[in-house]
Amino acid sequence: MGDEYTIADMAIWPWYGAVVKNIVYDAAEFLEAHTYTNVIRWADEIAQRPAVKRGRMVNKTWGEPATQLHERHDASDFELRTQDKLDTEK
């Protein structure tokens, strides 16, 4: 990420950011991702953006229930309808 967050960052981060952080494919070791310190910094910076954190929750059905938002219909769903809250309603 340069001085500004761009459409290029938005397009590549979900795939390459996840590869570098070893979230998908288990390819980080093979690609020696740990040697690309600027790419790791870029992936970390984008991952910390509030909109990215929210976006990663939508339609997620794995991981911690508090990070899963199976359906999103309203902005308040991020606070009120995560899977951990829905599970306690049952």
PDB file of N, CA and C in Angstrom:
ATOM      1  N   MET A   1       0.860  -1.161   0.000  1.00  0.00           N
ATOM      2  CA  MET A   1       0.000   0.000   0.000  1.00  0.00           C
ATOM      3  C   MET A   1       0.907   1.224   0.000  1.00  0.00           C
ATOM      4  N   GLY A   2       0.636   2.108  -0.907  1.00  0.00           N
ATOM      5  CA  GLY A   2       1.392   3.353  -0.962  1.00  0.00           C
ATOM      6  C   GLY A   2       0.780   4.365  -0.014  1.00  0.00           C
ATOM      7  N   ASP A   3       0.766   5.595  -0.441  1.00  0.00           N
ATOM      8  CA  ASP A   3       0.184   6.647   0.387  1.00  0.00           C
ATOM      9  C   ASP A   3      -1.331   6.541   0.457  1.00  0.00           C
ATOM     10  N   GLU A   4      -1.922   5.901  -0.541  1.00  0.00           N
ATOM     11  CA  GLU A   4      -3.382   5.782  -0.590  1.00  0.00           C
ATOM     12  C   GLU A   4      -3.793   4.330  -0.790  1.00  0.00           C
ATOM     13  N   TYR A   5      -4.927   3.981  -0.248  1.00  0.00           N
ATOM     14  CA  TYR A   5      -5.539   2.668  -0.431  1.00  0.00           C
ATOM     15  C   TYR A   5      -6.249   2.699  -1.777  1.00  0.00           C
ATOM     16  N   THR A   6      -5.903   1.792  -2.680  1.00  0.00           N
ATOM     17  CA  THR A   6      -6.433   1.854  -4.042  1.00  0.00           C
ATOM     18  C   THR A   6      -7.227   0.606  -4.400  1.00  0.00           C
ATOM     19  N   ILE A   7      -7.860   0.654  -5.551  1.00  0.00           N
ATOM     20  CA  ILE A   7      -8.604  -0.491  -6.063  1.00  0.00           C
ATOM     21  C   ILE A   7      -7.666  -1.678  -6.272  1.00  0.00           C
ATOM     22  N   ALA A   8      -6.416  -1.425  -6.594  1.00  0.00           N
ATOM     23  CA  ALA A   8      -5.443  -2.519  -6.747  1.00  0.00           C
ATOM     24  C   ALA A   8      -5.239  -3.241  -5.422  1.00  0.00           C
ATOM     25  N   ASP A   9      -5.140  -2.489  -4.325  1.00  0.00           N
ATOM     26  CA  ASP A   9      -5.025  -3.112  -3.001  1.00  0.00           C
ATOM     27  C   ASP A   9      -6.253  -3.957  -2.701  1.00  0.00           C
ATOM     28  N   MET A  10      -7.421  -3.415  -3.010  1.00  0.00           N
ATOM     29  CA  MET A  10      -8.672  -4.132  -2.752  1.00  0.00           C
ATOM     30  C   MET A  10      -8.759  -5.417  -3.564  1.00  0.00           C
ATOM     31  N   ALA A  11      -8.251  -5.371  -4.785  1.00  0.00           N
ATOM     32  CA  ALA A  11      -8.360  -6.526  -5.674  1.00  0.00           C
ATOM     33  C   ALA A  11      -7.389  -7.643  -5.311  1.00  0.00           C
ATOM     34  N   ILE A  12      -6.166  -7.302  -4.940  1.00  0.00           N
ATOM     35  CA  ILE A  12      -5.148  -8.335  -4.728  1.00  0.00           C
ATOM     36  C   ILE A  12      -5.079  -8.828  -3.291  1.00  0.00           C
ATOM     37  N   TRP A  13      -5.431  -7.997  -2.314  1.00  0.00           N
ATOM     38  CA  TRP A  13      -5.272  -8.403  -0.916  1.00  0.00           C
ATOM     39  C   TRP A  13      -6.054  -9.662  -0.544  1.00  0.00           C
ATOM     40  N   PRO A  14      -7.312  -9.830  -0.942  1.00  0.00           N
ATOM     41  CA  PRO A  14      -8.029 -11.045  -0.510  1.00  0.00           C
ATOM     42  C   PRO A  14      -7.313 -12.332  -0.916  1.00  0.00           C
ATOM     43  N   TRP A  15      -6.608 -12.313  -2.018  1.00  0.00           N
ATOM     44  CA  TRP A  15      -5.884 -13.509  -2.430  1.00  0.00           C
ATOM     45  C   TRP A  15      -4.447 -13.479  -1.927  1.00  0.00           C
ATOM     46  N   TYR A  16      -3.651 -12.520  -2.372  1.00  0.00           N
ATOM     47  CA  TYR A  16      -2.229 -12.564  -2.046  1.00  0.00           C
ATOM     48  C   TYR A  16      -1.956 -12.228  -0.587  1.00  0.00           C
ATOM     49  N   GLY A  17      -2.728 -11.336  -0.019  1.00  0.00           N
ATOM     50  CA  GLY A  17      -2.564 -11.055   1.407  1.00  0.00           C
ATOM     51  C   GLY A  17      -2.809 -12.300   2.237  1.00  0.00           C
ATOM     52  N   ALA A  18      -3.809 -13.084   1.853  1.00  0.00           N
ATOM     53  CA  ALA A  18      -4.110 -14.331   2.568  1.00  0.00           C
ATOM     54  C   ALA A  18      -3.029 -15.379   2.342  1.00  0.00           C
ATOM     55  N   VAL A  19      -2.447 -15.418   1.157  1.00  0.00           N
ATOM     56  CA  VAL A  19      -1.350 -16.357   0.887  1.00  0.00           C
ATOM     57  C   VAL A  19      -0.138 -15.999   1.747  1.00  0.00           C
ATOM     58  N   VAL A  20       0.223 -14.718   1.767  1.00  0.00           N
ATOM     59  CA  VAL A  20       1.387 -14.269   2.532  1.00  0.00           C
ATOM     60  C   VAL A  20       1.204 -14.544   4.023  1.00  0.00           C
ATOM     61  N   LYS A  21      -0.002 -14.375   4.520  1.00  0.00           N
ATOM     62  CA  LYS A  21      -0.277 -14.601   5.941  1.00  0.00           C
ATOM     63  C   LYS A  21      -0.573 -16.071   6.233  1.00  0.00           C
ATOM     64  N   ASN A  22      -0.469 -16.922   5.221  1.00  0.00           N
ATOM     65  CA  ASN A  22      -0.685 -18.368   5.327  1.00  0.00           C
ATOM     66  C   ASN A  22      -2.094 -18.709   5.804  1.00  0.00           C
ATOM     67  N   ILE A  23      -3.059 -17.909   5.373  1.00  0.00           N
ATOM     68  CA  ILE A  23      -4.464 -18.151   5.708  1.00  0.00           C
ATOM     69  C   ILE A  23      -5.070 -19.144   4.727  1.00  0.00           C
ATOM     70  N   VAL A  24      -4.602 -19.132   3.488  1.00  0.00           N
ATOM     71  CA  VAL A  24      -5.108 -20.053   2.461  1.00  0.00           C
ATOM     72  C   VAL A  24      -3.945 -20.765   1.772  1.00  0.00           C
ATOM     73  N   TYR A  25      -4.211 -21.900   1.240  1.00  0.00           N
ATOM     74  CA  TYR A  25      -3.299 -22.680   0.395  1.00  0.00           C
ATOM     75  C   TYR A  25      -2.067 -23.248   1.082  1.00  0.00           C
ATOM     76  N   ASP A  26      -1.721 -22.814   2.270  1.00  0.00           N
ATOM     77  CA  ASP A  26      -0.476 -23.255   2.915  1.00  0.00           C
ATOM     78  C   ASP A  26       0.727 -23.084   1.986  1.00  0.00           C
ATOM     79  N   ALA A  27       0.759 -21.976   1.270  1.00  0.00           N
ATOM     80  CA  ALA A  27       1.825 -21.736   0.300  1.00  0.00           C
ATOM     81  C   ALA A  27       2.888 -20.766   0.799  1.00  0.00           C
ATOM     82  N   ALA A  28       2.701 -20.163   1.958  1.00  0.00           N
ATOM     83  CA  ALA A  28       3.643 -19.151   2.437  1.00  0.00           C
ATOM     84  C   ALA A  28       5.053 -19.714   2.579  1.00  0.00           C
ATOM     85  N   GLU A  29       5.170 -20.929   3.090  1.00  0.00           N
ATOM     86  CA  GLU A  29       6.505 -21.521   3.243  1.00  0.00           C
ATOM     87  C   GLU A  29       7.148 -21.759   1.879  1.00  0.00           C
ATOM     88  N   PHE A  30       6.399 -22.360   0.968  1.00  0.00           N
ATOM     89  CA  PHE A  30       6.923 -22.633  -0.370  1.00  0.00           C
ATOM     90  C   PHE A  30       7.360 -21.343  -1.064  1.00  0.00           C
ATOM     91  N   LEU A  31       6.571 -20.293  -0.922  1.00  0.00           N
ATOM     92  CA  LEU A  31       6.882 -19.012  -1.559  1.00  0.00           C
ATOM     93  C   LEU A  31       7.903 -18.188  -0.782  1.00  0.00           C
ATOM     94  N   GLU A  32       8.312 -18.706   0.383  1.00  0.00           N
ATOM     95  CA  GLU A  32       9.228 -17.990   1.269  1.00  0.00           C
ATOM     96  C   GLU A  32       8.710 -16.586   1.572  1.00  0.00           C
ATOM     97  N   ALA A  33       7.421 -16.519   1.871  1.00  0.00           N
ATOM     98  CA  ALA A  33       6.754 -15.233   2.103  1.00  0.00           C
ATOM     99  C   ALA A  33       7.391 -14.447   3.235  1.00  0.00           C
ATOM    100  N   HIS A  34       7.968 -15.129   4.213  1.00  0.00           N
ATOM    101  CA  HIS A  34       8.590 -14.432   5.342  1.00  0.00           C
ATOM    102  C   HIS A  34       9.748 -13.526   4.906  1.00  0.00           C
ATOM    103  N   THR A  35      10.280 -13.738   3.717  1.00  0.00           N
ATOM    104  CA  THR A  35      11.389 -12.906   3.239  1.00  0.00           C
ATOM    105  C   THR A  35      10.914 -11.600   2.603  1.00  0.00           C
ATOM    106  N   TYR A  36       9.631 -11.502   2.337  1.00  0.00           N
ATOM    107  CA  TYR A  36       9.075 -10.307   1.691  1.00  0.00           C
ATOM    108  C   TYR A  36       8.497  -9.373   2.749  1.00  0.00           C
ATOM    109  N   THR A  37       9.371  -8.699   3.470  1.00  0.00           N
ATOM    110  CA  THR A  37       8.934  -7.904   4.621  1.00  0.00           C
ATOM    111  C   THR A  37       7.986  -6.777   4.229  1.00  0.00           C
ATOM    112  N   ASN A  38       8.184  -6.161   3.091  1.00  0.00           N
ATOM    113  CA  ASN A  38       7.281  -5.080   2.680  1.00  0.00           C
ATOM    114  C   ASN A  38       5.908  -5.616   2.299  1.00  0.00           C
ATOM    115  N   VAL A  39       5.861  -6.798   1.707  1.00  0.00           N
ATOM    116  CA  VAL A  39       4.569  -7.406   1.372  1.00  0.00           C
ATOM    117  C   VAL A  39       3.835  -7.789   2.652  1.00  0.00           C
ATOM    118  N   ILE A  40       4.559  -8.309   3.634  1.00  0.00           N
ATOM    119  CA  ILE A  40       3.945  -8.652   4.919  1.00  0.00           C
ATOM    120  C   ILE A  40       3.406  -7.395   5.591  1.00  0.00           C
ATOM    121  N   ARG A  41       4.189  -6.317   5.569  1.00  0.00           N
ATOM    122  CA  ARG A  41       3.725  -5.042   6.148  1.00  0.00           C
ATOM    123  C   ARG A  41       2.460  -4.576   5.447  1.00  0.00           C
ATOM    124  N   TRP A  42       2.450  -4.641   4.114  1.00  0.00           N
ATOM    125  CA  TRP A  42       1.281  -4.247   3.319  1.00  0.00           C
ATOM    126  C   TRP A  42       0.066  -5.086   3.706  1.00  0.00           C
ATOM    127  N   ALA A  43       0.234  -6.406   3.777  1.00  0.00           N
ATOM    128  CA  ALA A  43      -0.880  -7.292   4.120  1.00  0.00           C
ATOM    129  C   ALA A  43      -1.401  -6.984   5.522  1.00  0.00           C
ATOM    130  N   ASP A  44      -0.498  -6.736   6.460  1.00  0.00           N
ATOM    131  CA  ASP A  44      -0.906  -6.417   7.834  1.00  0.00           C
ATOM    132  C   ASP A  44      -1.656  -5.088   7.902  1.00  0.00           C
ATOM    133  N   GLU A  45      -1.164  -4.075   7.177  1.00  0.00           N
ATOM    134  CA  GLU A  45      -1.828  -2.764   7.184  1.00  0.00           C
ATOM    135  C   GLU A  45      -3.252  -2.868   6.645  1.00  0.00           C
ATOM    136  N   ILE A  46      -3.419  -3.578   5.564  1.00  0.00           N
ATOM    137  CA  ILE A  46      -4.757  -3.711   4.988  1.00  0.00           C
ATOM    138  C   ILE A  46      -5.660  -4.519   5.911  1.00  0.00           C
ATOM    139  N   ALA A  47      -5.128  -5.567   6.512  1.00  0.00           N
ATOM    140  CA  ALA A  47      -5.927  -6.413   7.409  1.00  0.00           C
ATOM    141  C   ALA A  47      -6.460  -5.630   8.605  1.00  0.00           C
ATOM    142  N   GLN A  48      -5.785  -4.558   8.989  1.00  0.00           N
ATOM    143  CA  GLN A  48      -6.213  -3.766  10.141  1.00  0.00           C
ATOM    144  C   GLN A  48      -7.268  -2.716   9.806  1.00  0.00           C
ATOM    145  N   ARG A  49      -7.578  -2.535   8.547  1.00  0.00           N
ATOM    146  CA  ARG A  49      -8.592  -1.551   8.159  1.00  0.00           C
ATOM    147  C   ARG A  49      -9.961  -2.026   8.654  1.00  0.00           C
ATOM    148  N   PRO A  50     -10.737  -1.169   9.304  1.00  0.00           N
ATOM    149  CA  PRO A  50     -12.047  -1.581   9.826  1.00  0.00           C
ATOM    150  C   PRO A  50     -12.967  -2.183   8.766  1.00  0.00           C
ATOM    151  N   ALA A  51     -12.994  -1.613   7.577  1.00  0.00           N
ATOM    152  CA  ALA A  51     -13.873  -2.149   6.530  1.00  0.00           C
ATOM    153  C   ALA A  51     -13.430  -3.540   6.088  1.00  0.00           C
ATOM    154  N   VAL A  52     -12.138  -3.784   6.077  1.00  0.00           N
ATOM    155  CA  VAL A  52     -11.627  -5.109   5.711  1.00  0.00           C
ATOM    156  C   VAL A  52     -12.004  -6.119   6.793  1.00  0.00           C
ATOM    157  N   LYS A  53     -11.861  -5.737   8.047  1.00  0.00           N
ATOM    158  CA  LYS A  53     -12.254  -6.637   9.144  1.00  0.00           C
ATOM    159  C   LYS A  53     -13.727  -7.015   9.025  1.00  0.00           C
ATOM    160  N   ARG A  54     -14.576  -6.034   8.751  1.00  0.00           N
ATOM    161  CA  ARG A  54     -16.008  -6.326   8.597  1.00  0.00           C
ATOM    162  C   ARG A  54     -16.249  -7.196   7.369  1.00  0.00           C
ATOM    163  N   GLY A  55     -15.624  -6.854   6.264  1.00  0.00           N
ATOM    164  CA  GLY A  55     -15.825  -7.606   5.031  1.00  0.00           C
ATOM    165  C   GLY A  55     -15.424  -9.062   5.148  1.00  0.00           C
ATOM    166  N   ARG A  56     -14.386  -9.345   5.919  1.00  0.00           N
ATOM    167  CA  ARG A  56     -13.943 -10.729   6.091  1.00  0.00           C
ATOM    168  C   ARG A  56     -14.935 -11.561   6.887  1.00  0.00           C
ATOM    169  N   MET A  57     -15.834 -10.920   7.604  1.00  0.00           N
ATOM    170  CA  MET A  57     -16.836 -11.642   8.396  1.00  0.00           C
ATOM    171  C   MET A  57     -18.018 -12.117   7.558  1.00  0.00           C
ATOM    172  N   VAL A  58     -18.336 -11.393   6.499  1.00  0.00           N
ATOM    173  CA  VAL A  58     -19.555 -11.644   5.732  1.00  0.00           C
ATOM    174  C   VAL A  58     -19.465 -12.979   4.990  1.00  0.00           C
ATOM    175  N   ASN A  59     -20.512 -13.779   5.139  1.00  0.00           N
ATOM    176  CA  ASN A  59     -20.636 -15.110   4.527  1.00  0.00           C
ATOM    177  C   ASN A  59     -19.596 -16.101   5.035  1.00  0.00           C
ATOM    178  N   LYS A  60     -18.953 -15.815   6.146  1.00  0.00           N
ATOM    179  CA  LYS A  60     -17.944 -16.707   6.716  1.00  0.00           C
ATOM    180  C   LYS A  60     -18.641 -17.758   7.571  1.00  0.00           C
ATOM    181  N   THR A  61     -18.309 -19.016   7.349  1.00  0.00           N
ATOM    182  CA  THR A  61     -18.954 -20.110   8.085  1.00  0.00           C
ATOM    183  C   THR A  61     -17.941 -20.967   8.836  1.00  0.00           C
ATOM    184  N   TRP A  62     -16.726 -20.485   9.015  1.00  0.00           N
ATOM    185  CA  TRP A  62     -15.699 -21.230   9.728  1.00  0.00           C
ATOM    186  C   TRP A  62     -14.998 -20.297  10.709  1.00  0.00           C
ATOM    187  N   GLY A  63     -14.257 -20.877  11.629  1.00  0.00           N
ATOM    188  CA  GLY A  63     -13.511 -20.077  12.592  1.00  0.00           C
ATOM    189  C   GLY A  63     -14.349 -19.737  13.811  1.00  0.00           C
ATOM    190  N   GLU A  64     -13.879 -18.769  14.556  1.00  0.00           N
ATOM    191  CA  GLU A  64     -14.561 -18.337  15.774  1.00  0.00           C
ATOM    192  C   GLU A  64     -15.952 -17.806  15.442  1.00  0.00           C
ATOM    193  N   PRO A  65     -16.980 -18.235  16.181  1.00  0.00           N
ATOM    194  CA  PRO A  65     -18.342 -17.762  15.909  1.00  0.00           C
ATOM    195  C   PRO A  65     -18.486 -16.234  15.928  1.00  0.00           C
ATOM    196  N   ALA A  66     -17.703 -15.550  16.749  1.00  0.00           N
ATOM    197  CA  ALA A  66     -17.794 -14.084  16.818  1.00  0.00           C
ATOM    198  C   ALA A  66     -17.304 -13.416  15.535  1.00  0.00           C
ATOM    199  N   THR A  67     -16.608 -14.167  14.678  1.00  0.00           N
ATOM    200  CA  THR A  67     -16.112 -13.603  13.416  1.00  0.00           C
ATOM    201  C   THR A  67     -16.949 -14.048  12.225  1.00  0.00           C
ATOM    202  N   GLN A  68     -18.062 -14.721  12.486  1.00  0.00           N
ATOM    203  CA  GLN A  68     -18.917 -15.235  11.414  1.00  0.00           C
ATOM    204  C   GLN A  68     -20.207 -14.425  11.304  1.00  0.00           C
ATOM    205  N   LEU A  69     -20.457 -13.920  10.126  1.00  0.00           N
ATOM    206  CA  LEU A  69     -21.711 -13.241   9.833  1.00  0.00           C
ATOM    207  C   LEU A  69     -22.266 -13.912   8.584  1.00  0.00           C
ATOM    208  N   HIS A  70     -23.099 -14.924   8.789  1.00  0.00           N
ATOM    209  CA  HIS A  70     -23.568 -15.750   7.680  1.00  0.00           C
ATOM    210  C   HIS A  70     -24.376 -14.954   6.667  1.00  0.00           C
ATOM    211  N   GLU A  71     -25.153 -14.010   7.121  1.00  0.00           N
ATOM    212  CA  GLU A  71     -25.933 -13.152   6.227  1.00  0.00           C
ATOM    213  C   GLU A  71     -25.846 -11.720   6.726  1.00  0.00           C
ATOM    214  N   ARG A  72     -25.722 -10.781   5.805  1.00  0.00           N
ATOM    215  CA  ARG A  72     -25.689  -9.371   6.186  1.00  0.00           C
ATOM    216  C   ARG A  72     -26.792  -8.636   5.448  1.00  0.00           C
ATOM    217  N   HIS A  73     -27.653  -7.988   6.227  1.00  0.00           N
ATOM    218  CA  HIS A  73     -28.749  -7.219   5.637  1.00  0.00           C
ATOM    219  C   HIS A  73     -28.753  -5.773   6.116  1.00  0.00           C
ATOM    220  N   ASP A  74     -27.997  -5.494   7.166  1.00  0.00           N
ATOM    221  CA  ASP A  74     -27.999  -4.162   7.758  1.00  0.00           C
ATOM    222  C   ASP A  74     -26.646  -3.941   8.433  1.00  0.00           C
ATOM    223  N   ALA A  75     -26.226  -2.696   8.542  1.00  0.00           N
ATOM    224  CA  ALA A  75     -24.950  -2.397   9.192  1.00  0.00           C
ATOM    225  C   ALA A  75     -24.917  -2.898  10.630  1.00  0.00           C
ATOM    226  N   SER A  76     -26.058  -2.912  11.296  1.00  0.00           N
ATOM    227  CA  SER A  76     -26.099  -3.367  12.690  1.00  0.00           C
ATOM    228  C   SER A  76     -25.861  -4.867  12.826  1.00  0.00           C
ATOM    229  N   ASP A  77     -25.940  -5.614  11.730  1.00  0.00           N
ATOM    230  CA  ASP A  77     -25.705  -7.058  11.793  1.00  0.00           C
ATOM    231  C   ASP A  77     -24.315  -7.387  12.329  1.00  0.00           C
ATOM    232  N   PHE A  78     -23.336  -6.527  12.098  1.00  0.00           N
ATOM    233  CA  PHE A  78     -21.982  -6.782  12.590  1.00  0.00           C
ATOM    234  C   PHE A  78     -21.937  -6.808  14.112  1.00  0.00           C
ATOM    235  N   GLU A  79     -22.819  -6.070  14.748  1.00  0.00           N
ATOM    236  CA  GLU A  79     -22.857  -6.051  16.207  1.00  0.00           C
ATOM    237  C   GLU A  79     -23.898  -7.009  16.780  1.00  0.00           C
ATOM    238  N   LEU A  80     -24.963  -7.272  16.028  1.00  0.00           N
ATOM    239  CA  LEU A  80     -26.106  -7.998  16.592  1.00  0.00           C
ATOM    240  C   LEU A  80     -26.313  -9.411  16.063  1.00  0.00           C
ATOM    241  N   ARG A  81     -25.743  -9.758  14.912  1.00  0.00           N
ATOM    242  CA  ARG A  81     -26.111 -11.028  14.282  1.00  0.00           C
ATOM    243  C   ARG A  81     -24.924 -11.938  13.957  1.00  0.00           C
ATOM    244  N   THR A  82     -23.806 -11.757  14.667  1.00  0.00           N
ATOM    245  CA  THR A  82     -22.712 -12.702  14.462  1.00  0.00           C
ATOM    246  C   THR A  82     -23.128 -14.050  15.035  1.00  0.00           C
ATOM    247  N   GLN A  83     -22.477 -15.095  14.578  1.00  0.00           N
ATOM    248  CA  GLN A  83     -22.927 -16.442  14.907  1.00  0.00           C
ATOM    249  C   GLN A  83     -22.903 -16.730  16.403  1.00  0.00           C
ATOM    250  N   ASP A  84     -21.964 -16.169  17.140  1.00  0.00           N
ATOM    251  CA  ASP A  84     -21.931 -16.399  18.585  1.00  0.00           C
ATOM    252  C   ASP A  84     -23.192 -15.860  19.257  1.00  0.00           C
ATOM    253  N   LYS A  85     -23.709 -14.739  18.768  1.00  0.00           N
ATOM    254  CA  LYS A  85     -24.934 -14.174  19.346  1.00  0.00           C
ATOM    255  C   LYS A  85     -26.157 -14.972  18.924  1.00  0.00           C
ATOM    256  N   LEU A  86     -26.176 -15.453  17.689  1.00  0.00           N
ATOM    257  CA  LEU A  86     -27.314 -16.243  17.223  1.00  0.00           C
ATOM    258  C   LEU A  86     -27.360 -17.602  17.909  1.00  0.00           C
ATOM    259  N   ASP A  87     -26.197 -18.185  18.183  1.00  0.00           N
ATOM    260  CA  ASP A  87     -26.152 -19.483  18.858  1.00  0.00           C
ATOM    261  C   ASP A  87     -26.724 -19.410  20.268  1.00  0.00           C
ATOM    262  N   THR A  88     -26.564 -18.269  20.941  1.00  0.00           N
ATOM    263  CA  THR A  88     -27.098 -18.145  22.303  1.00  0.00           C
ATOM    264  C   THR A  88     -28.605 -17.943  22.306  1.00  0.00           C
ATOM    265  N   GLU A  89     -29.174 -17.537  21.156  1.00  0.00           N
ATOM    266  CA  GLU A  89     -30.627 -17.351  21.057  1.00  0.00           C
ATOM    267  C   GLU A  89     -31.366 -18.673  20.953  1.00  0.00           C
ATOM    268  N   LYS A  90     -30.688 -19.735  20.563  1.00  0.00           N
ATOM    269  CA  LYS A  90     -31.346 -21.026  20.341  1.00  0.00           C
ATOM    270  C   LYS A  90     -31.711 -21.702  21.634  1.00  0.00           C
TER     271      LYS A  90
END
